[in-house]
Amino acid sequence: MTGYLDAYGAAESDRAKREKLLKNLAIAAVAAIVIAVTGWFLFRNYKEEARIKEFVELLQAKQYDEAYKMWGCTEATPCRDYSKQRFLEDWGPQSKHPEPSAMQLKKVKSCNTGIIQVIQWGSDEIMLWVNRADLVLSFSPWPICDPRMKVQ
C-alpha cells in the first residue's frame, strides 16, 4: 500500500526536468542561429569569389579563351564593347602586366546583385565585378556598391 508521502517531491522533480529541457532547447536554438549567421557571413560570396579565383587560375595557365568566356564572350559571339583583342591587351601576354602570378586578390565588397573584387596587379588596383545571377565577370563600373550613396 502506498503512503501519503510516497509521491512527495515528484511534481518538483518533473518541473526541474522540464526546466532543464527548455534551457537546453534555448541554448541549442541560440547556437544554431549563431552558427547560421556566421556561416552566412563567411560563405555569402563563396561562388563569386571562386569565380574570380578560377579566372586568375585560367590566366596563369594562359588559357585566354576560357578566361574570355567567363566575361560572357566567345569567339563565335564576341562581346560588343570588349573584343578578344581588347581582352588580350588587358589580360594577355602583351598587357601592361604580362605575369598573372603577380596578381593578389585583395578586399571584397559585397553588394546586392554581385561583388566587387579588388585585385592588386603590380602597382595597379583593378576592380572586377561578378554578377550573382550568372557569375559573369566585368570591370566594376564604380568603386562602391551603390553609386547614389554619398562617399564620405
N, C-alpha and C. Protein backbone atom coordinates (compact mmCIF):
# COMPACT_ATOMS: atom_id res chain seq x y z
N MET A 1 0.82 -1.16 0.00
CA MET A 1 0.00 0.00 0.00
C MET A 1 0.88 1.24 0.00
N THR A 2 0.48 2.21 -0.81
CA THR A 2 1.28 3.42 -0.90
C THR A 2 0.88 4.38 0.19
N GLY A 3 1.87 5.06 0.64
CA GLY A 3 1.63 6.03 1.70
C GLY A 3 1.36 7.41 1.15
N TYR A 4 0.94 8.26 2.04
CA TYR A 4 0.59 9.62 1.69
C TYR A 4 1.79 10.38 1.14
N LEU A 5 2.96 10.16 1.68
CA LEU A 5 4.14 10.93 1.31
C LEU A 5 5.01 10.26 0.24
N ASP A 6 4.55 9.16 -0.35
CA ASP A 6 5.35 8.47 -1.36
C ASP A 6 5.56 9.32 -2.62
N ALA A 7 4.60 10.11 -3.01
CA ALA A 7 4.71 10.95 -4.21
C ALA A 7 5.20 12.35 -3.89
N TYR A 8 5.64 12.56 -2.65
CA TYR A 8 6.11 13.88 -2.26
C TYR A 8 7.36 14.25 -3.06
N GLY A 9 7.36 15.39 -3.73
CA GLY A 9 8.51 15.87 -4.49
C GLY A 9 8.52 15.43 -5.94
N ALA A 10 7.60 14.56 -6.37
CA ALA A 10 7.55 14.09 -7.75
C ALA A 10 7.24 15.24 -8.70
N ALA A 11 6.33 16.10 -8.33
CA ALA A 11 5.99 17.24 -9.18
C ALA A 11 7.19 18.18 -9.29
N GLU A 12 7.92 18.35 -8.21
CA GLU A 12 9.12 19.21 -8.23
C GLU A 12 10.19 18.62 -9.15
N SER A 13 10.34 17.31 -9.13
CA SER A 13 11.31 16.64 -9.98
C SER A 13 10.92 16.80 -11.46
N ASP A 14 9.62 16.63 -11.76
CA ASP A 14 9.16 16.81 -13.15
C ASP A 14 9.37 18.24 -13.62
N ARG A 15 9.13 19.20 -12.76
CA ARG A 15 9.32 20.61 -13.12
C ARG A 15 10.80 20.90 -13.38
N ALA A 16 11.69 20.34 -12.60
CA ALA A 16 13.12 20.54 -12.78
C ALA A 16 13.59 19.93 -14.12
N LYS A 17 13.05 18.74 -14.48
CA LYS A 17 13.40 18.12 -15.75
C LYS A 17 12.91 18.98 -16.93
N ARG A 18 11.68 19.50 -16.79
CA ARG A 18 11.10 20.35 -17.83
C ARG A 18 11.92 21.63 -18.00
N GLU A 19 12.34 22.24 -16.90
CA GLU A 19 13.17 23.45 -16.97
C GLU A 19 14.51 23.17 -17.63
N LYS A 20 15.10 22.04 -17.30
CA LYS A 20 16.39 21.68 -17.90
C LYS A 20 16.23 21.45 -19.40
N LEU A 21 15.15 20.79 -19.81
CA LEU A 21 14.89 20.56 -21.23
C LEU A 21 14.69 21.88 -21.96
N LEU A 22 13.92 22.79 -21.40
CA LEU A 22 13.69 24.09 -22.03
C LEU A 22 14.98 24.90 -22.11
N LYS A 23 15.77 24.83 -21.07
CA LYS A 23 17.06 25.55 -21.07
C LYS A 23 17.97 25.00 -22.17
N ASN A 24 18.04 23.68 -22.32
CA ASN A 24 18.88 23.06 -23.35
C ASN A 24 18.37 23.40 -24.75
N LEU A 25 17.05 23.41 -24.92
CA LEU A 25 16.48 23.78 -26.22
C LEU A 25 16.79 25.24 -26.56
N ALA A 26 16.70 26.12 -25.59
CA ALA A 26 17.01 27.53 -25.83
C ALA A 26 18.48 27.71 -26.20
N ILE A 27 19.37 27.03 -25.50
CA ILE A 27 20.80 27.11 -25.81
C ILE A 27 21.07 26.57 -27.21
N ALA A 28 20.44 25.45 -27.57
CA ALA A 28 20.63 24.87 -28.90
C ALA A 28 20.10 25.81 -29.98
N ALA A 29 18.96 26.46 -29.74
CA ALA A 29 18.40 27.39 -30.73
C ALA A 29 19.32 28.59 -30.92
N VAL A 30 19.83 29.15 -29.84
CA VAL A 30 20.75 30.29 -29.94
C VAL A 30 22.03 29.87 -30.66
N ALA A 31 22.56 28.70 -30.34
CA ALA A 31 23.77 28.21 -31.00
C ALA A 31 23.53 28.01 -32.50
N ALA A 32 22.37 27.47 -32.87
CA ALA A 32 22.05 27.26 -34.29
C ALA A 32 21.95 28.59 -35.02
N ILE A 33 21.36 29.59 -34.39
CA ILE A 33 21.25 30.91 -35.01
C ILE A 33 22.63 31.53 -35.19
N VAL A 34 23.48 31.43 -34.17
CA VAL A 34 24.83 31.99 -34.26
C VAL A 34 25.62 31.29 -35.37
N ILE A 35 25.52 29.98 -35.46
CA ILE A 35 26.23 29.24 -36.50
C ILE A 35 25.71 29.61 -37.88
N ALA A 36 24.39 29.74 -38.01
CA ALA A 36 23.81 30.10 -39.31
C ALA A 36 24.23 31.49 -39.75
N VAL A 37 24.22 32.45 -38.84
CA VAL A 37 24.61 33.82 -39.19
C VAL A 37 26.10 33.88 -39.53
N THR A 38 26.92 33.20 -38.75
CA THR A 38 28.36 33.16 -39.03
C THR A 38 28.63 32.51 -40.38
N GLY A 39 27.96 31.40 -40.65
CA GLY A 39 28.12 30.73 -41.95
C GLY A 39 27.69 31.61 -43.10
N TRP A 40 26.61 32.34 -42.92
CA TRP A 40 26.14 33.24 -43.98
C TRP A 40 27.18 34.32 -44.25
N PHE A 41 27.74 34.92 -43.20
CA PHE A 41 28.75 35.96 -43.41
C PHE A 41 30.02 35.40 -44.04
N LEU A 42 30.40 34.19 -43.68
CA LEU A 42 31.63 33.61 -44.23
C LEU A 42 31.46 33.12 -45.67
N PHE A 43 30.28 32.60 -46.01
CA PHE A 43 30.11 31.95 -47.30
C PHE A 43 29.13 32.65 -48.23
N ARG A 44 28.71 33.86 -47.93
CA ARG A 44 27.72 34.53 -48.79
C ARG A 44 28.27 34.86 -50.17
N ASN A 45 29.56 35.03 -50.30
CA ASN A 45 30.17 35.36 -51.59
C ASN A 45 31.02 34.21 -52.13
N TYR A 46 30.78 33.01 -51.64
CA TYR A 46 31.65 31.88 -51.98
C TYR A 46 31.71 31.63 -53.49
N LYS A 47 30.55 31.55 -54.15
CA LYS A 47 30.53 31.26 -55.60
C LYS A 47 31.22 32.36 -56.39
N GLU A 48 30.97 33.60 -56.01
CA GLU A 48 31.54 34.72 -56.74
C GLU A 48 33.06 34.78 -56.56
N GLU A 49 33.53 34.57 -55.33
CA GLU A 49 34.98 34.59 -55.08
C GLU A 49 35.65 33.40 -55.77
N ALA A 50 34.99 32.26 -55.80
CA ALA A 50 35.54 31.10 -56.51
C ALA A 50 35.64 31.39 -58.00
N ARG A 51 34.70 32.14 -58.52
CA ARG A 51 34.73 32.51 -59.94
C ARG A 51 35.95 33.38 -60.26
N ILE A 52 36.23 34.33 -59.39
CA ILE A 52 37.42 35.19 -59.57
C ILE A 52 38.69 34.34 -59.49
N LYS A 53 38.77 33.44 -58.53
CA LYS A 53 39.95 32.58 -58.41
C LYS A 53 40.13 31.71 -59.64
N GLU A 54 39.02 31.20 -60.17
CA GLU A 54 39.08 30.39 -61.39
C GLU A 54 39.60 31.24 -62.56
N PHE A 55 39.15 32.48 -62.64
CA PHE A 55 39.61 33.39 -63.69
C PHE A 55 41.12 33.61 -63.60
N VAL A 56 41.60 33.87 -62.40
CA VAL A 56 43.04 34.09 -62.20
C VAL A 56 43.83 32.83 -62.55
N GLU A 57 43.31 31.66 -62.15
CA GLU A 57 43.99 30.41 -62.48
C GLU A 57 44.05 30.18 -63.99
N LEU A 58 42.98 30.52 -64.69
CA LEU A 58 42.99 30.39 -66.15
C LEU A 58 44.01 31.33 -66.79
N LEU A 59 44.13 32.54 -66.26
CA LEU A 59 45.14 33.47 -66.78
C LEU A 59 46.54 32.94 -66.51
N GLN A 60 46.76 32.38 -65.33
CA GLN A 60 48.08 31.84 -65.00
C GLN A 60 48.42 30.64 -65.88
N ALA A 61 47.40 29.88 -66.27
CA ALA A 61 47.62 28.73 -67.15
C ALA A 61 47.63 29.15 -68.62
N LYS A 62 47.46 30.45 -68.88
CA LYS A 62 47.46 31.02 -70.22
C LYS A 62 46.34 30.44 -71.08
N GLN A 63 45.21 30.16 -70.47
CA GLN A 63 44.02 29.69 -71.18
C GLN A 63 43.09 30.89 -71.38
N TYR A 64 43.49 31.73 -72.31
CA TYR A 64 42.80 33.00 -72.50
C TYR A 64 41.40 32.84 -73.10
N ASP A 65 41.20 31.81 -73.92
CA ASP A 65 39.86 31.60 -74.49
C ASP A 65 38.86 31.27 -73.39
N GLU A 66 39.25 30.40 -72.47
CA GLU A 66 38.35 30.04 -71.36
C GLU A 66 38.13 31.24 -70.43
N ALA A 67 39.17 32.01 -70.20
CA ALA A 67 39.03 33.20 -69.36
C ALA A 67 38.11 34.23 -70.02
N TYR A 68 38.21 34.36 -71.33
CA TYR A 68 37.35 35.29 -72.07
C TYR A 68 35.89 34.87 -71.99
N LYS A 69 35.64 33.57 -71.97
CA LYS A 69 34.26 33.05 -71.84
C LYS A 69 33.64 33.45 -70.50
N MET A 70 34.47 33.62 -69.48
CA MET A 70 33.94 34.00 -68.16
C MET A 70 33.37 35.41 -68.17
N TRP A 71 33.70 36.17 -69.19
CA TRP A 71 33.16 37.52 -69.35
C TRP A 71 31.85 37.49 -70.15
N GLY A 72 31.38 36.27 -70.47
CA GLY A 72 30.17 36.13 -71.26
C GLY A 72 30.41 36.29 -72.74
N CYS A 73 31.66 36.13 -73.15
CA CYS A 73 32.05 36.34 -74.55
C CYS A 73 32.68 35.05 -75.08
N THR A 74 32.49 34.81 -76.36
CA THR A 74 33.15 33.68 -77.01
C THR A 74 33.69 34.15 -78.35
N GLU A 75 34.44 33.29 -79.00
CA GLU A 75 34.95 33.60 -80.34
C GLU A 75 33.78 33.78 -81.31
N ALA A 76 32.77 32.92 -81.18
CA ALA A 76 31.63 32.98 -82.09
C ALA A 76 30.75 34.19 -81.82
N THR A 77 30.58 34.53 -80.56
CA THR A 77 29.74 35.69 -80.19
C THR A 77 30.55 36.61 -79.27
N PRO A 78 31.46 37.38 -79.84
CA PRO A 78 32.27 38.27 -79.01
C PRO A 78 31.40 39.38 -78.40
N CYS A 79 31.88 39.89 -77.31
CA CYS A 79 31.17 41.00 -76.68
C CYS A 79 31.31 42.25 -77.54
N ARG A 80 30.25 43.00 -77.63
CA ARG A 80 30.23 44.17 -78.50
C ARG A 80 31.29 45.20 -78.09
N ASP A 81 31.40 45.46 -76.80
CA ASP A 81 32.31 46.50 -76.33
C ASP A 81 33.61 45.96 -75.74
N TYR A 82 33.81 44.64 -75.82
CA TYR A 82 35.03 44.06 -75.24
C TYR A 82 35.48 42.90 -76.12
N SER A 83 36.17 43.24 -77.19
CA SER A 83 36.62 42.23 -78.15
C SER A 83 37.71 41.36 -77.54
N LYS A 84 37.96 40.25 -78.20
CA LYS A 84 39.01 39.34 -77.73
C LYS A 84 40.37 40.03 -77.76
N GLN A 85 40.61 40.86 -78.77
CA GLN A 85 41.87 41.60 -78.86
C GLN A 85 42.02 42.54 -77.67
N ARG A 86 40.95 43.24 -77.32
CA ARG A 86 40.99 44.16 -76.17
C ARG A 86 41.20 43.38 -74.87
N PHE A 87 40.55 42.22 -74.77
CA PHE A 87 40.73 41.36 -73.60
C PHE A 87 42.20 40.96 -73.45
N LEU A 88 42.82 40.57 -74.56
CA LEU A 88 44.24 40.18 -74.50
C LEU A 88 45.14 41.37 -74.19
N GLU A 89 44.75 42.56 -74.62
CA GLU A 89 45.52 43.76 -74.26
C GLU A 89 45.44 44.02 -72.75
N ASP A 90 44.32 43.68 -72.15
CA ASP A 90 44.16 43.89 -70.71
C ASP A 90 44.74 42.76 -69.88
N TRP A 91 44.60 41.50 -70.35
CA TRP A 91 44.94 40.35 -69.52
C TRP A 91 45.99 39.43 -70.13
N GLY A 92 46.28 39.55 -71.39
CA GLY A 92 47.16 38.60 -72.08
C GLY A 92 48.63 38.92 -71.95
N PRO A 93 49.46 38.22 -72.74
CA PRO A 93 50.91 38.39 -72.65
C PRO A 93 51.38 39.77 -73.09
N GLN A 94 50.61 40.47 -73.93
CA GLN A 94 51.02 41.80 -74.35
C GLN A 94 50.40 42.90 -73.47
N SER A 95 49.86 42.51 -72.32
CA SER A 95 49.25 43.50 -71.42
C SER A 95 50.33 44.28 -70.67
N LYS A 96 49.88 45.25 -69.91
CA LYS A 96 50.79 46.07 -69.11
C LYS A 96 51.52 45.22 -68.07
N HIS A 97 50.83 44.20 -67.57
CA HIS A 97 51.41 43.26 -66.59
C HIS A 97 51.30 41.86 -67.16
N PRO A 98 52.32 41.38 -67.86
CA PRO A 98 52.20 40.08 -68.55
C PRO A 98 52.25 38.87 -67.62
N GLU A 99 52.59 39.06 -66.35
CA GLU A 99 52.74 37.91 -65.46
C GLU A 99 51.56 37.81 -64.49
N PRO A 100 50.58 36.92 -64.75
CA PRO A 100 49.40 36.83 -63.89
C PRO A 100 49.70 36.27 -62.50
N SER A 101 50.85 35.65 -62.31
CA SER A 101 51.16 35.12 -60.98
C SER A 101 51.40 36.25 -59.98
N ALA A 102 51.61 37.46 -60.48
CA ALA A 102 51.81 38.60 -59.59
C ALA A 102 50.50 39.18 -59.06
N MET A 103 49.36 38.65 -59.54
CA MET A 103 48.06 39.14 -59.08
C MET A 103 47.84 38.75 -57.62
N GLN A 104 47.32 39.70 -56.87
CA GLN A 104 46.95 39.43 -55.48
C GLN A 104 45.50 39.83 -55.28
N LEU A 105 44.70 38.91 -54.79
CA LEU A 105 43.31 39.21 -54.50
C LEU A 105 43.24 39.95 -53.18
N LYS A 106 42.68 41.12 -53.22
CA LYS A 106 42.56 41.95 -52.03
C LYS A 106 41.14 41.90 -51.51
N LYS A 107 40.62 43.00 -51.07
CA LYS A 107 39.32 43.02 -50.39
C LYS A 107 38.16 42.78 -51.35
N VAL A 108 37.07 42.30 -50.77
CA VAL A 108 35.83 42.04 -51.50
C VAL A 108 34.75 42.94 -50.91
N LYS A 109 34.02 43.58 -51.78
CA LYS A 109 32.88 44.39 -51.36
C LYS A 109 31.62 43.66 -51.80
N SER A 110 30.80 43.30 -50.85
CA SER A 110 29.59 42.54 -51.13
C SER A 110 28.44 43.49 -51.42
N CYS A 111 27.80 43.31 -52.57
CA CYS A 111 26.67 44.14 -52.99
C CYS A 111 25.44 43.25 -53.14
N ASN A 112 24.30 43.86 -53.37
CA ASN A 112 23.06 43.10 -53.51
C ASN A 112 23.10 42.17 -54.71
N THR A 113 23.54 42.66 -55.86
CA THR A 113 23.48 41.87 -57.08
C THR A 113 24.81 41.28 -57.51
N GLY A 114 25.85 41.45 -56.71
CA GLY A 114 27.15 40.89 -57.05
C GLY A 114 28.21 41.31 -56.06
N ILE A 115 29.46 41.12 -56.45
CA ILE A 115 30.58 41.54 -55.60
C ILE A 115 31.56 42.37 -56.43
N ILE A 116 32.29 43.20 -55.72
CA ILE A 116 33.42 43.91 -56.32
C ILE A 116 34.67 43.31 -55.69
N GLN A 117 35.52 42.72 -56.53
CA GLN A 117 36.77 42.12 -56.07
C GLN A 117 37.92 43.04 -56.47
N VAL A 118 38.68 43.48 -55.50
CA VAL A 118 39.84 44.32 -55.78
C VAL A 118 41.05 43.42 -55.99
N ILE A 119 41.71 43.61 -57.12
CA ILE A 119 42.91 42.84 -57.46
C ILE A 119 44.08 43.80 -57.54
N GLN A 120 45.13 43.48 -56.83
CA GLN A 120 46.37 44.25 -56.90
C GLN A 120 47.26 43.56 -57.92
N TRP A 121 47.62 44.28 -58.98
CA TRP A 121 48.46 43.70 -60.03
C TRP A 121 49.56 44.70 -60.29
N GLY A 122 50.70 44.42 -59.72
CA GLY A 122 51.79 45.38 -59.77
C GLY A 122 51.40 46.60 -58.95
N SER A 123 51.53 47.77 -59.54
CA SER A 123 51.16 49.00 -58.84
C SER A 123 49.70 49.37 -59.11
N ASP A 124 49.02 48.60 -59.97
CA ASP A 124 47.64 48.92 -60.33
C ASP A 124 46.66 48.16 -59.45
N GLU A 125 45.54 48.82 -59.17
CA GLU A 125 44.43 48.19 -58.49
C GLU A 125 43.30 48.05 -59.50
N ILE A 126 42.85 46.83 -59.72
CA ILE A 126 41.79 46.55 -60.68
C ILE A 126 40.58 46.07 -59.91
N MET A 127 39.42 46.65 -60.23
CA MET A 127 38.19 46.24 -59.56
C MET A 127 37.33 45.48 -60.55
N LEU A 128 37.09 44.20 -60.22
CA LEU A 128 36.25 43.36 -61.07
C LEU A 128 34.88 43.19 -60.42
N TRP A 129 33.87 43.07 -61.26
CA TRP A 129 32.50 42.85 -60.83
C TRP A 129 32.10 41.42 -61.21
N VAL A 130 31.51 40.69 -60.27
CA VAL A 130 30.94 39.38 -60.55
C VAL A 130 29.45 39.46 -60.26
N ASN A 131 28.66 39.22 -61.30
CA ASN A 131 27.22 39.26 -61.17
C ASN A 131 26.74 37.98 -60.47
N ARG A 132 25.92 38.13 -59.43
CA ARG A 132 25.44 36.96 -58.69
C ARG A 132 24.54 36.06 -59.54
N ALA A 133 23.75 36.64 -60.42
CA ALA A 133 22.76 35.87 -61.18
C ALA A 133 23.41 34.86 -62.12
N ASP A 134 24.42 35.27 -62.87
CA ASP A 134 25.00 34.38 -63.87
C ASP A 134 26.52 34.21 -63.75
N LEU A 135 27.12 34.82 -62.73
CA LEU A 135 28.57 34.72 -62.46
C LEU A 135 29.43 35.22 -63.61
N VAL A 136 28.92 36.18 -64.37
CA VAL A 136 29.68 36.78 -65.46
C VAL A 136 30.57 37.88 -64.89
N LEU A 137 31.81 37.92 -65.37
CA LEU A 137 32.78 38.93 -64.92
C LEU A 137 32.69 40.18 -65.78
N SER A 138 33.08 41.29 -65.20
CA SER A 138 33.26 42.54 -65.93
C SER A 138 34.07 43.47 -65.04
N PHE A 139 34.47 44.58 -65.60
CA PHE A 139 35.11 45.59 -64.77
C PHE A 139 34.03 46.27 -63.95
N SER A 140 34.33 46.58 -62.72
CA SER A 140 33.35 47.24 -61.87
C SER A 140 33.15 48.67 -62.36
N PRO A 141 31.90 49.07 -62.60
CA PRO A 141 31.66 50.43 -63.08
C PRO A 141 31.88 51.49 -62.00
N TRP A 142 31.83 51.08 -60.74
CA TRP A 142 32.00 52.02 -59.63
C TRP A 142 32.88 51.39 -58.56
N PRO A 143 33.53 52.21 -57.75
CA PRO A 143 34.36 51.66 -56.67
C PRO A 143 33.54 51.24 -55.45
N ILE A 144 32.25 51.60 -55.43
CA ILE A 144 31.38 51.23 -54.32
C ILE A 144 30.14 50.52 -54.87
N CYS A 145 29.39 49.90 -54.00
CA CYS A 145 28.22 49.13 -54.45
C CYS A 145 27.12 50.01 -55.00
N ASP A 146 26.74 51.03 -54.29
CA ASP A 146 25.64 51.89 -54.74
C ASP A 146 26.18 53.28 -55.00
N PRO A 147 26.37 53.66 -56.27
CA PRO A 147 26.99 54.94 -56.57
C PRO A 147 26.13 56.14 -56.18
N ARG A 148 24.85 55.91 -55.89
CA ARG A 148 24.00 57.01 -55.48
C ARG A 148 24.24 57.42 -54.04
N MET A 149 24.92 56.54 -53.28
CA MET A 149 25.23 56.87 -51.89
C MET A 149 26.39 57.85 -51.87
N LYS A 150 26.39 58.75 -50.94
CA LYS A 150 27.48 59.71 -50.82
C LYS A 150 28.67 59.06 -50.15
N VAL A 151 29.83 59.22 -50.76
CA VAL A 151 31.06 58.71 -50.20
C VAL A 151 31.64 59.79 -49.31
N GLN A 152 31.94 59.44 -48.09
CA GLN A 152 32.47 60.44 -47.16
C GLN A 152 33.90 60.17 -46.84
